[in-house]
Each structure stands twice: as C-alpha cells, then as structure tokens.
Protein backbone atom coordinates (compact mmCIF):
# COMPACT_ATOMS: atom_id res chain seq x y z
CA MET A 1 0.00 0.00 0.00
CA LYS A 2 1.27 3.47 -0.90
CA ILE A 3 0.29 6.73 0.75
CA GLU A 4 1.29 10.15 -0.52
CA ILE A 5 1.19 13.26 1.61
CA GLU A 6 1.49 16.40 -0.47
CA TYR A 7 2.19 19.51 1.57
CA CYS A 8 2.82 23.19 0.88
CA SER A 9 6.48 24.01 1.31
CA MET A 10 5.93 27.77 1.09
CA TRP A 11 3.70 27.72 4.18
CA ASN A 12 6.00 25.23 5.95
CA TYR A 13 3.44 22.44 6.29
CA LYS A 14 6.23 19.85 6.39
CA PRO A 15 6.10 19.39 10.20
CA GLU A 16 2.41 18.50 9.92
CA ALA A 17 3.16 16.10 7.07
CA VAL A 18 5.86 14.39 9.15
CA ARG A 19 3.47 14.14 12.13
CA VAL A 20 0.71 12.61 10.02
CA ALA A 21 3.16 10.17 8.40
CA ALA A 22 4.33 9.02 11.83
CA GLU A 23 0.74 8.48 12.97
CA ILE A 24 -0.08 6.46 9.87
CA LYS A 25 3.03 4.31 10.35
CA GLN A 26 1.77 3.38 13.83
CA VAL A 27 -1.34 1.73 12.37
CA SER A 28 -0.15 0.66 8.91
CA LYS A 29 2.85 -0.74 7.09
CA ALA A 30 2.20 1.57 4.15
CA LYS A 31 5.01 3.11 2.15
CA ILE A 32 4.61 6.84 2.75
CA THR A 33 5.89 9.49 0.38
CA LEU A 34 6.11 13.17 1.30
CA THR A 35 5.81 15.46 -1.72
CA GLU A 36 6.35 19.20 -1.75
CA GLY A 37 3.53 21.21 -3.24
CA GLU A 38 2.33 24.79 -3.25
CA ARG A 39 -0.71 27.02 -2.80
CA GLY A 40 -1.50 25.79 0.71
CA ILE A 41 -2.02 22.17 -0.29
CA PHE A 42 -2.17 19.44 2.32
CA ASP A 43 -3.61 16.27 0.78
CA VAL A 44 -3.32 12.66 1.87
CA LYS A 45 -3.87 10.08 -0.87
CA GLN A 46 -3.86 6.30 -0.87
CA GLY A 47 -3.33 4.74 -4.26
CA GLY A 48 -4.42 7.98 -5.92
CA LYS A 49 -7.64 8.16 -3.89
CA LEU A 50 -7.98 11.35 -1.83
CA LEU A 51 -8.37 10.47 1.85
CA TYR A 52 -7.98 13.92 3.36
CA SER A 53 -7.76 17.46 2.05
CA LYS A 54 -7.07 20.57 4.11
CA ALA A 55 -8.73 22.56 1.32
CA LYS A 56 -12.01 20.74 2.02
CA THR A 57 -11.87 20.72 5.81
CA GLY A 58 -10.03 23.98 6.50
CA THR A 59 -7.78 22.31 9.06
CA PHE A 60 -5.01 19.78 9.39
CA PRO A 61 -6.10 16.30 10.46
CA THR A 62 -6.33 15.88 14.21
CA PRO A 63 -4.18 13.22 15.86
CA ASN A 64 -5.33 9.76 14.80
CA GLU A 65 -8.08 11.15 12.53
CA LEU A 66 -6.73 9.20 9.55
CA ASP A 67 -6.48 5.87 11.38
CA ASN A 68 -9.88 4.71 10.15
CA LEU A 69 -9.37 6.02 6.63
CA VAL A 70 -6.10 4.19 5.98
CA GLN A 71 -6.84 0.63 4.93
C-alpha cells in the first residue's frame, strides 16, 4: 500500500506532514511518500484516492483522525 502526503512548502506544512506520516506508520505498514507542493495544499492520498484534504476541511487532520481512513 502506498500513501502520498502532499504539503505546501511555502507555508512550511512539512512538520504536519511528518506528524501525520508518523501516525499512519503506527497503524499501517504503508510506504509513505512526502511530496512538496504549493498554494496551501495538504492532501493525503492512498493509491491515488484522496483520503484527506485541508482545502475541504479547512484544518489539518487531528491526531489519529486518519487511522480509520487508511486501509
């Protein structure tokens, strides 16, 4: 299973991406890729399917919020 976390480098969202990746690794053996993006992006995708988008929710995922979404 592959998970991609795309984060905005201009707004320094990398610490949040690292935190979310660590949380996912606690519940999954997925291969996680962090990808720099722009324009305030913070998306979490599994196999191309969007699991979480900061643009849709307005916030970063809370601790353990993605546990149930990652399969």
